[in-house]
Protein backbone atom coordinates (compact mmCIF):
# COMPACT_ATOMS: atom_id res chain seq x y z
CA MET A 1 90.92 149.12 107.26
CA SER A 2 87.79 150.69 105.83
CA ASN A 3 87.30 151.57 102.19
CA SER A 4 85.99 155.01 103.17
CA GLY A 5 88.04 158.04 104.13
CA THR A 6 91.73 158.58 103.48
CA PRO A 7 93.49 155.41 102.34
CA SER A 8 96.23 154.08 104.61
CA PRO A 9 99.84 154.01 103.39
CA MET A 10 99.50 150.25 102.96
CA GLN A 11 96.45 150.66 100.73
CA ARG A 12 98.23 153.29 98.68
CA PHE A 13 101.59 151.57 98.30
CA GLY A 14 100.78 147.92 98.87
CA GLY A 15 101.56 145.45 101.63
CA TYR A 16 100.59 142.05 102.93
CA PHE A 17 97.64 140.56 104.74
CA VAL A 18 98.59 137.55 106.88
CA MET A 19 96.09 135.12 108.38
CA GLY A 20 97.07 132.50 110.95
CA VAL A 21 95.05 129.30 110.71
CA SER A 22 94.15 126.32 112.81
CA THR A 23 93.70 123.19 110.73
CA ASP A 24 93.87 119.43 110.69
CA VAL A 25 94.30 119.13 106.91
CA GLY A 26 97.66 118.37 105.34
CA TRP A 27 99.84 121.47 105.23
CA PRO A 28 103.06 122.08 103.23
CA SER A 29 106.48 121.91 104.85
CA LYS A 30 107.72 124.85 102.76
CA ASP A 31 106.20 127.96 101.18
CA LEU A 32 103.63 126.94 98.58
CA GLN A 33 102.03 129.45 96.19
CA VAL A 34 98.52 128.89 94.84
CA ARG A 35 96.65 130.94 92.25
CA PHE A 36 93.05 131.58 93.29
CA ARG A 37 90.58 134.03 91.81
CA GLY A 38 93.39 135.88 90.04
CA HIS A 39 95.56 136.32 93.15
CA THR A 40 98.61 134.49 94.49
CA ILE A 41 98.12 133.05 97.96
CA THR A 42 101.15 131.75 99.84
CA LEU A 43 100.71 128.88 102.30
CA ARG A 44 103.47 129.16 104.87
CA PRO A 45 104.51 126.14 106.94
CA GLU A 46 104.24 125.55 110.63
CA THR A 47 107.48 125.55 112.65
CA THR A 48 108.23 124.96 116.30
CA GLU A 49 107.48 128.62 116.95
CA ARG A 50 105.20 129.70 114.10
CA ALA A 51 101.68 128.78 113.14
CA PRO A 52 100.64 127.81 109.62
CA SER A 53 99.48 130.91 107.81
CA LEU A 54 98.18 132.38 104.56
CA VAL A 55 99.63 135.47 102.91
CA VAL A 56 98.27 137.66 100.12
CA ARG A 57 99.36 141.05 98.79
CA ILE A 58 97.09 144.05 99.20
CA GLY A 59 97.05 147.46 97.59
CA SER A 60 94.87 150.26 96.28
CA GLU A 61 92.90 147.90 94.01
CA PHE A 62 92.69 145.08 96.57
CA ASP A 63 92.15 146.28 100.12
CA LEU A 64 92.04 144.50 103.48
CA LEU A 65 88.35 143.68 103.29
CA ALA A 66 88.75 142.09 99.87
CA ALA A 67 91.85 140.20 101.03
CA ARG A 68 90.05 138.80 104.07
CA ARG A 69 87.11 137.70 101.92
CA LEU A 70 89.48 136.05 99.43
CA LEU A 71 91.31 134.06 102.12
CA GLN A 72 88.06 133.01 103.80
CA GLU A 73 86.70 131.75 100.47
CA PHE A 74 89.99 130.02 99.72
CA MET A 75 89.88 128.26 103.09
CA SER A 76 86.32 127.14 102.41
CA VAL A 77 87.38 125.63 99.09
CA LEU A 78 90.47 124.00 100.61
CA ALA A 79 88.46 122.57 103.52
CA TRP A 80 86.06 121.17 100.94
CA VAL A 81 88.68 119.48 98.74
CA ARG A 82 90.88 118.29 101.63
CA GLY A 83 87.95 117.31 103.85
CA GLY A 84 89.05 118.83 107.15
CA ALA A 85 88.88 121.74 109.55
CA LEU A 86 90.35 125.12 108.60
CA VAL A 87 89.68 128.24 110.66
CA GLU A 88 91.26 131.64 111.17
CA THR A 89 93.05 132.12 114.47
CA THR A 90 94.33 135.66 114.07
CA SER A 91 95.36 138.06 111.34
CA ALA A 92 97.59 141.06 110.77
CA CYS A 93 98.80 143.34 108.01
CA THR A 94 102.12 144.99 107.30
CA SER A 95 103.59 147.36 104.76
CA GLY A 96 106.92 145.55 104.85
CA ALA A 97 107.68 141.85 104.70
CA PRO A 98 104.77 139.65 105.82
CA LEU A 99 105.11 138.88 109.53
CA PHE A 100 104.66 135.48 111.13
CA ILE A 101 101.84 134.22 113.36
CA GLY A 102 102.32 132.42 116.68
CA LYS A 103 102.35 128.62 117.05
CA GLY A 104 99.27 126.55 116.25
CA ILE A 105 98.30 122.89 116.63
CA GLY A 106 100.22 119.97 115.15
CA ARG A 107 99.23 118.16 111.93
CA PHE A 108 100.58 115.79 109.33
CA ILE A 109 102.67 117.10 106.44
CA ASP A 110 101.27 117.15 102.92
CA ASP A 111 103.47 118.66 100.21
CA ALA A 112 101.19 117.57 97.36
CA PRO A 113 100.32 120.37 94.92
CA ILE A 114 97.06 122.18 95.60
CA GLU A 115 95.30 122.42 92.27
CA HIS A 116 92.05 121.63 90.46
CA LEU A 117 90.22 123.86 92.95
CA PRO A 118 86.56 124.53 92.20
CA GLU A 119 85.76 128.24 91.94
CA PRO A 120 81.98 128.60 92.21
CA THR A 121 80.52 131.91 91.13
CA ASP A 122 76.97 131.22 92.29
CA PRO A 123 76.46 132.85 95.72
CA ARG A 124 74.61 129.79 96.98
CA GLY A 125 77.52 127.54 96.05
CA LYS A 126 79.98 129.84 97.81
CA LEU A 127 77.73 129.93 100.86
CA GLY A 128 77.52 126.14 100.83
CA LEU A 129 81.33 125.88 100.98
CA ALA A 130 81.48 128.49 103.75
CA LEU A 131 78.94 126.57 105.83
CA TYR A 132 80.73 123.30 105.11
CA ARG A 133 83.98 124.74 106.45
CA GLU A 134 82.14 126.15 109.45
CA ALA A 135 80.63 122.75 110.23
CA SER A 136 83.84 120.76 109.72
CA SER A 137 85.78 123.29 111.81
CA ALA A 138 83.42 123.32 114.80
CA ASN A 139 85.06 121.73 117.84
CA LEU A 140 81.77 120.54 119.37
CA LEU A 141 79.86 117.71 117.76
CA PRO A 142 76.36 119.25 118.15
CA TYR A 143 77.46 122.34 116.27
CA GLN A 144 79.03 120.23 113.55
CA PHE A 145 75.69 118.48 113.08
CA LEU A 146 73.77 121.74 113.02
CA GLY A 147 76.30 123.26 110.63
CA TYR A 148 75.83 120.48 108.07
CA PHE A 149 72.06 120.78 108.41
CA LYS A 150 72.28 124.50 107.61
CA ILE A 151 73.53 123.55 104.13
CA ILE A 152 70.25 121.76 103.48
CA ASN A 153 68.52 124.89 104.73
CA ILE A 154 70.06 126.78 101.79
CA LEU A 155 67.85 124.68 99.53
CA TYR A 156 64.65 124.61 101.58
CA GLY A 157 63.26 126.84 104.30
CA PRO A 158 60.30 125.04 105.91
CA GLY A 159 61.06 121.96 107.96
CA PRO A 160 58.70 119.65 106.01
CA ASP A 161 60.49 120.55 102.77
CA GLN A 162 63.85 119.70 104.33
CA VAL A 163 62.48 116.38 105.59
CA ALA A 164 61.08 115.57 102.13
CA TRP A 165 64.42 116.35 100.44
CA ILE A 166 66.30 114.11 102.87
CA ASN A 167 63.92 111.22 102.22
CA ARG A 168 64.32 111.69 98.45
CA THR A 169 68.09 111.75 98.76
CA VAL A 170 69.15 109.15 101.37
CA GLY A 171 68.78 106.34 98.86
CA LYS A 172 71.36 107.98 96.56
CA LEU A 173 74.22 108.03 99.08
CA ASN A 174 77.23 105.73 98.75
CA ASP A 175 79.38 106.62 101.75
CA LYS A 176 79.81 103.43 103.79
CA GLN A 177 79.17 104.92 107.24
CA ALA A 178 76.23 107.00 106.01
CA VAL A 179 74.63 104.00 104.31
CA GLU A 180 75.09 101.83 107.40
CA ARG A 181 73.41 104.43 109.63
CA ARG A 182 70.60 104.97 107.11
CA ASP A 183 69.91 101.24 107.02
CA GLN A 184 69.88 101.06 110.81
CA LEU A 185 67.24 103.80 110.98
CA VAL A 186 65.16 102.17 108.27
CA ALA A 187 65.34 98.84 110.13
CA GLN A 188 63.83 100.64 113.12
CA ASN A 189 60.90 101.74 110.92
CA LEU A 190 61.89 105.37 111.35
CA ASP A 191 61.20 108.15 108.88
CA VAL A 192 64.85 109.09 108.25
CA GLY A 193 64.17 112.71 107.28
CA ALA A 194 61.82 113.37 110.19
CA TYR A 195 64.20 111.65 112.62
CA LEU A 196 67.22 113.70 111.58
CA TYR A 197 65.23 116.93 111.62
CA LYS A 198 63.62 116.42 115.03
CA SER A 199 66.21 114.40 116.95
CA GLY A 200 69.17 116.15 115.38
CA ARG A 201 68.56 119.59 113.96
CA CYS A 202 65.81 120.73 116.37
CA ALA A 203 67.31 118.96 119.37
CA VAL A 204 70.56 120.86 118.89
CA ALA A 205 69.10 124.24 117.91
CA HIS A 206 66.30 124.42 120.50
CA ALA A 207 66.31 123.89 124.25
CA PHE A 208 62.71 124.65 125.19
CA ASP A 209 61.83 120.92 125.19
CA GLN A 210 64.20 119.59 127.80
CA ASN A 211 63.11 116.01 127.11
CA SER A 212 64.44 116.10 123.54
CA VAL A 213 67.28 118.63 123.63
CA VAL A 214 70.81 117.34 123.04
CA ASN A 215 72.60 117.75 126.37
CA PRO A 216 76.37 118.16 125.80
CA ASP A 217 76.98 116.69 129.27
CA GLU A 218 74.93 113.54 128.56
CA PRO A 219 77.18 110.87 127.00
CA GLU A 220 74.24 108.98 125.48
CA ASP A 221 73.04 112.10 123.64
CA ILE A 222 76.49 112.72 122.18
CA GLN A 223 76.92 109.06 121.27
CA LEU A 224 73.63 109.06 119.36
CA LEU A 225 74.47 112.29 117.59
CA SER A 226 77.91 110.88 116.72
CA ALA A 227 76.23 107.91 115.06
CA ASP A 228 74.06 110.28 112.98
CA LEU A 229 76.86 112.68 112.03
CA PRO A 230 78.23 110.72 109.02
CA LEU A 231 74.71 110.59 107.56
CA ILE A 232 73.97 114.32 107.81
CA LYS A 233 77.51 115.19 106.66
CA THR A 234 77.14 113.00 103.56
CA LEU A 235 73.73 114.54 102.86
CA ALA A 236 75.30 118.01 103.11
CA GLU A 237 78.07 116.97 100.71
CA TYR A 238 75.51 115.63 98.28
CA ALA A 239 73.65 118.95 98.48
CA VAL A 240 76.81 120.98 97.82
CA GLU A 241 77.80 118.91 94.81
CA ASN A 242 74.48 117.93 93.21
CA GLU A 243 72.22 120.82 94.21
CA LEU A 244 74.65 123.73 94.49
CA GLY A 245 76.91 122.61 91.64
CA VAL A 246 80.32 122.43 93.36
CA LYS A 247 82.15 119.28 92.28
CA SER A 248 83.80 117.27 95.03
CA TYR A 249 87.49 116.45 94.78
CA ARG A 250 86.58 112.79 94.32
CA THR A 251 84.48 113.69 91.29
CA ILE A 252 87.22 115.92 89.88
CA LEU A 253 89.74 113.07 90.17
CA ARG A 254 87.31 110.52 88.75
CA GLU A 255 86.50 112.66 85.70
CA HIS A 256 90.14 113.83 85.39
CA LEU A 257 89.05 116.45 82.86
CA TYR A 258 92.07 118.46 83.95
CA GLU A 259 94.43 116.12 82.07
CA LEU A 260 93.53 117.66 78.68
CA GLU A 261 92.04 120.92 79.92
CA GLY A 262 94.31 123.25 77.95
CA PHE A 263 93.97 121.28 74.71
CA ARG A 264 90.17 121.25 75.01
CA ALA A 265 90.28 125.04 75.13
CA LEU A 266 92.57 125.13 72.06
CA PHE A 267 90.47 122.73 69.96
CA GLY A 268 87.03 124.08 70.89
CA ASP A 269 83.82 122.34 71.97
CA ALA A 270 82.80 121.12 68.51
CA THR A 271 86.14 119.45 67.74
CA VAL A 272 86.43 117.98 71.23
CA GLY A 273 82.89 116.60 70.90
CA ASP A 274 83.86 114.84 67.67
CA LEU A 275 87.04 113.48 69.26
CA LYS A 276 85.15 112.12 72.27
CA ALA A 277 82.68 110.47 69.90
CA ARG A 278 85.68 108.89 68.06
CA LYS A 279 84.70 110.63 64.82
CA SER A 280 87.18 111.37 62.06
CA VAL A 281 88.83 114.76 62.63
CA ALA A 282 91.10 116.47 60.10
CA ILE A 283 94.52 117.44 61.42
CA GLU A 284 93.90 121.00 60.19
CA ARG A 285 91.25 121.39 62.91
CA LEU A 286 93.79 120.59 65.63
CA SER A 287 95.71 123.80 66.13
CA ILE A 288 98.46 123.65 68.76
CA PRO A 289 101.38 125.93 69.73
CA THR A 290 104.45 125.42 67.58
CA ARG A 291 106.66 125.12 70.68
CA LEU A 292 105.86 122.87 73.62
CA SER A 293 107.89 121.96 76.70
CA LEU A 294 107.87 118.46 78.16
CA ARG A 295 108.11 118.57 81.95
CA LEU A 296 107.46 116.60 85.12
CA GLN A 297 105.35 117.97 87.94
CA ASP A 298 107.34 119.12 91.00
CA GLN A 299 110.59 118.90 89.03
CA PRO A 300 112.59 121.81 87.63
CA PRO A 301 112.38 122.07 83.84
CA PHE A 302 114.86 119.95 81.91
CA SER A 303 116.59 122.35 79.52
CA SER A 304 116.94 119.63 76.86
CA PHE A 305 113.15 119.29 76.57
CA GLU A 306 112.14 122.93 76.61
CA ARG A 307 110.77 124.67 73.50
CA LEU A 308 110.44 121.47 71.46
CA CYS A 309 109.10 121.79 67.94
CA ALA A 310 105.52 120.48 68.15
CA SER A 311 103.13 119.18 65.52
CA VAL A 312 100.06 116.96 65.24
CA LYS A 313 101.18 113.70 63.67
CA ALA A 314 97.84 111.86 63.53
CA ALA A 315 94.28 111.77 64.84
CA HIS A 316 92.41 108.47 64.92
CA GLN A 317 89.45 107.22 66.97
CA GLY A 318 89.58 110.31 69.17
CA ILE A 319 93.29 109.95 69.97
CA VAL A 320 95.53 112.82 68.89
CA GLN A 321 99.22 112.00 68.47
CA LEU A 322 101.62 114.87 69.06
CA HIS A 323 105.20 114.80 67.80
CA LEU A 324 107.85 116.71 69.75
CA GLN A 325 111.42 117.19 68.56
CA ARG A 326 114.51 119.22 69.34
CA ASP A 327 115.76 121.44 66.54
CA ASP A 328 119.03 119.49 66.42
CA GLY A 329 117.18 116.14 66.21
CA LEU A 330 118.88 114.72 69.32
CA PHE A 331 115.53 114.02 71.02
CA GLU A 332 112.02 113.31 69.83
CA ALA A 333 108.91 111.97 71.51
CA ASN A 334 105.29 111.12 70.83
CA VAL A 335 102.55 112.14 73.28
CA LEU A 336 98.98 110.85 73.01
CA LEU A 337 95.90 112.92 73.83
CA SER A 338 93.11 110.39 74.32
CA PHE A 339 89.87 112.38 74.39
CA PRO A 340 87.41 109.45 74.73
CA ASP A 341 88.80 108.70 78.19
CA GLU A 342 90.31 112.15 78.92
CA ARG A 343 93.90 110.93 79.26
CA LEU A 344 97.32 112.33 78.41
CA VAL A 345 99.68 109.42 77.74
CA PHE A 346 103.47 109.52 77.55
CA ASP A 347 105.68 106.53 78.27
CA ALA A 348 109.26 107.70 78.68
CA LEU A 349 110.52 104.14 78.17
CA ARG A 350 108.71 103.57 74.86
CA HIS A 351 107.62 106.89 73.37
CA ALA A 352 110.93 108.76 73.23
CA VAL A 353 114.19 108.53 71.25
CA VAL A 354 117.54 110.05 72.21
CA ARG A 355 120.29 110.20 69.59
CA ASP A 356 124.04 110.49 70.16
CA ASP A 357 126.15 112.30 67.57
CA GLY A 358 129.27 112.25 69.73
CA THR A 359 128.99 115.86 70.92
CA ALA A 360 128.88 117.22 74.45
CA THR A 361 125.40 118.55 73.69
CA ALA A 362 124.18 115.03 72.93
CA ALA A 363 125.65 113.81 76.22
CA ARG A 364 123.78 116.57 78.05
CA VAL A 365 120.54 115.52 76.37
CA MET A 366 121.18 111.92 77.38
CA LEU A 367 121.88 113.01 80.96
CA ASP A 368 118.68 115.03 81.10
CA PHE A 369 116.72 112.08 79.77
CA VAL A 370 118.16 109.68 82.36
CA LYS A 371 117.25 112.15 85.10
CA PHE A 372 113.81 112.58 83.53
CA GLU A 373 113.32 108.81 83.44
CA ARG A 374 114.42 108.48 87.07
CA ALA A 375 111.85 111.01 88.27
CA TRP A 376 109.24 109.66 85.85
CA ILE A 377 109.57 106.11 87.23
CA ALA A 378 109.08 107.45 90.76
CA ASN A 379 105.35 108.19 90.17
CA GLY A 380 106.10 111.14 87.94
CA VAL A 381 103.35 113.26 86.39
CA ASN A 382 103.99 114.29 82.77
CA GLU A 383 103.14 117.86 81.80
CA LEU A 384 102.98 119.68 78.46
CA TRP A 385 103.42 123.45 78.55
CA ASP A 386 102.93 126.15 75.95
CA ALA A 387 106.52 127.39 75.73
CA GLU A 388 105.54 130.85 74.51
CA LYS A 389 102.70 131.64 76.94
CA GLY A 390 104.01 129.69 79.92
CA GLN A 391 100.70 127.85 80.36
CA ARG A 392 100.22 124.20 81.20
CA LEU A 393 98.05 122.56 78.55
CA GLY A 394 97.88 119.01 79.90
CA GLN A 395 99.11 116.57 82.49
CA SER A 396 99.03 112.82 82.94
CA ALA A 397 98.05 110.64 85.85
CA PRO A 398 100.97 109.65 88.12
CA VAL A 399 103.10 106.91 86.59
CA VAL A 400 102.61 103.51 88.24
CA LEU A 401 104.92 100.80 86.94
CA VAL A 402 103.76 97.19 87.22
CA ASN A 403 106.07 94.19 87.65
CA CYS A 404 109.09 96.45 87.58
CA ARG A 405 111.74 97.09 90.20
CA PRO A 406 114.02 99.96 89.16
CA ASP A 407 117.73 99.55 89.81
CA TRP A 408 118.37 102.95 91.38
CA ARG A 409 122.08 102.28 91.87
CA ALA A 410 122.51 101.47 88.18
CA ILE A 411 120.64 104.65 87.25
CA ASP A 412 122.83 106.73 89.54
CA LYS A 413 125.94 105.15 88.04
CA ASN A 414 124.64 106.03 84.60
CA VAL A 415 124.16 109.63 85.70
CA ALA A 416 127.72 109.79 87.03
CA ALA A 417 129.08 108.22 83.83
CA LEU A 418 127.23 110.74 81.63
CA GLU A 419 128.48 113.65 83.73
CA ALA A 420 132.03 112.40 83.23
CA GLU A 421 131.35 111.93 79.51
CA ILE A 422 130.15 115.53 79.20
CA GLU A 423 133.41 116.74 80.77
CA ARG A 424 135.46 114.50 78.47
CA ARG A 425 133.69 115.60 75.30
CA THR A 426 133.82 119.26 76.33
CA ARG A 427 137.54 118.98 77.04
CA ASN A 428 138.19 117.27 73.72
CA THR A 429 136.23 119.94 71.86
CA GLN A 430 138.25 122.67 73.57
CA GLN A 431 141.52 120.89 72.78
CA ASP A 432 140.50 120.43 69.15
CA GLY A 433 139.65 124.11 68.95
CA SER A 434 142.99 125.10 70.47
CA ALA A 435 144.82 122.84 68.05
CA GLY A 436 142.96 124.40 65.16
CA GLU A 437 143.95 127.89 66.30
CA GLN A 438 147.61 126.89 66.58
CA SER A 439 147.45 125.31 63.10
CA ASP A 440 146.02 128.55 61.70
CA LYS A 441 148.85 130.54 63.28
CA VAL A 442 151.42 128.23 61.77
């Protein structure tokens, strides 16, 4: 497993590194692949006999040590964005198929995509996430408290400096439990920073003063520390995000910069700045791929809406209107890129047209669109992909219909009717072709 000496067969020819985990965060019910730091990590589900686990390939350019570091950093990021415990239980490597790890603890299922992960490059930011995972994964409350306090220690060494930072920061918190506890301490005329440092941090870390040490067997000590935990945890989260520069998942969702991320990269900072300021922007400045695919997240691609001819139709007040169309003209749609509020907007009920020329192809397009609409209504997430490079350029927020109750039975009947229509038109086309051949022979 060392980088020195003769490389093992696995390092020479490649294999897998498997890490079993213990976690209380949502975990997928089926294999889920995530790209992180240029590698593909597979999250494997828990079963009645197998523990949840992480798998990554290893080889001559990516050895066991690097794989372990990658998975540890990935767990720290995932614990940060999902807000729960995530620790390694055991690990193994194999040159064949990745093996499975023994059973772990139970948890709720979460099949939501794992994306928009922060990838800090600053060592202090990475350390902050590692310590956050350590604290949230500790199974004893005193060590959770101490773990969160260690994050503040990244910023300041001496105790008085830590106390001063806490007192400067507690007024900026907005977590309900943290604010309630802060206000309780203030009402008692306590110096919040000094209280947390002495009665929390020092009382957990040191035992020489038996009158102030946190005794794990003393219910009152644990109850008091439990009341303080939301406050120190929120302070640690504030430090990670605002001092160490790692955005929280709440901030990522609130800013939703990911909706137009790929288009921002295509247009460039100057053009995007003008669009956000609602300035006039010439269409010539808005270069996009000539072929885009319209998709829905977590749905297989609809063949009728792949490789659509794409162009910029207009740009006004920071909103770029894209026009998408099939080469045969049987489908066209308009998608809006609203840069002032960082939104991708596509309404399948209003912004698309499907045409019927009587062919089986047209019926297939109509069928695909009905299926698209069905999934879109059910909180679908629109996606635009660069058809040539296979890269997602933008995605919308989940669709939430208001004052609308879909008639699922009617939709399903429409699907069945279109499937029958495709068969009928295909059969008629084949019969017409056969008749034409016979006529030629005559």
